Amino acid sequence: FGAQVAYETFFQGRPDHPRDAAPSLDGFFLDNVSTLPANGDWNRDGTTDTGSDPTVRHWVQTGERDFYDEMHRLMPGHVQIGNNGYWPMPTSTNPTPVDPLYGVLNGGVLEGLIGASYSPDTYLDFTAVMNDYVYVMETVAQPKFEFINQENLGVDGSDPYDATPYHAMRYGLCLTLMNDGYYTGDSVHHHSGDPADILWFDEYDGGGLGAGYLGRPVLGALGRPQVRPRWATGPFGVWAREFTGGIAIMNPKGNGPQTITLAQLGGPNRWKRILGTQDPATNSGAEVTSDITIGDRDGIILLRRKPRREP
């Protein structure tokens, strides 16, 4: 019933409101697709059910799946995503905690993964952050429109947990580039749509090179979604993923400043820095001819001097 109402109200249009039809919509986003529901009378038997009870959770998840199954039936070929920011990780006693939602959504929003008081990046550690990211990507179906959300960014790319300009933003963006999610950096906590609250950083278009300047991930292990660090320096290692147009390097929170040698980067005449205006010390446009030091909870994007052609 809920799926039918949403479909008619916002996509097909109702007979009494035909101008509400919006057939150009790509799909729908449903907020609060939680696997930990609130307490309530979920089976309508007159008694309150405890949301943490595995049986109750399964009832609610089954209802959520019914909604998505019906939306897919009503809108074949369209995208159905949801807020999956609180999906629990597998445990030895519950290896599939999001079942029966596994493989049902085409993606969603991993809300507040970084930058908020409730973020795993704040109260846990980098391993928890990356595990959340990898697991959510595993649970969603193609085309996997998963948005990795960082909150409370300042206009200078800082956040409440690192006041150094541009470190926090680069960290969130480069972390996102380790897998196939889409980065969403919010300047506020409540996801404002006000244009004044939507920030832009040089790394988004390579300092004016244009959207898609990094190209596609390269073939092979260096371009696949990364599940382990490239270089074993510091307690969490330094991570990297290569693209036909460049490389994203990310130094996790708690790893301390780390230096990547020119030899580790493949030698001279291979990479150059973005030419930007916001942080010219980092994005100077210069060729990389020496070692690079990356701060704790920071990252960097380098351009490939000769874009790589894949077969």
Foldseek 3Di string as FASTA:
>chain_A
DVLVCCCQQQACDDPVGRVNHDPVDLADEAEDLDLQDPWQDLVPPPDTDHSVPLVNSQSSLVVVLVSLVVRCVVPPPGAYEYAPQHQDDADPVRNDSNPPQFARHQEYENEACAFDCPHCVNPPFPLVSLRSVVVRQRRYHPPHAYEYEHEQADLQCAGPVGPPGVFQNLLQVLSQQLAPYHYDYWNHRPPDPPPVGGHDDCVCQLAPVGHCQQAAFAPDDQRHRDDAAPAPQFPRHKHKHHGLWWIKIHAEARRAKDKDWCVNVPAWPFWFARCHDSCCVRRVRGTPHTIDIAGHSGMGIITTNHGHDDD
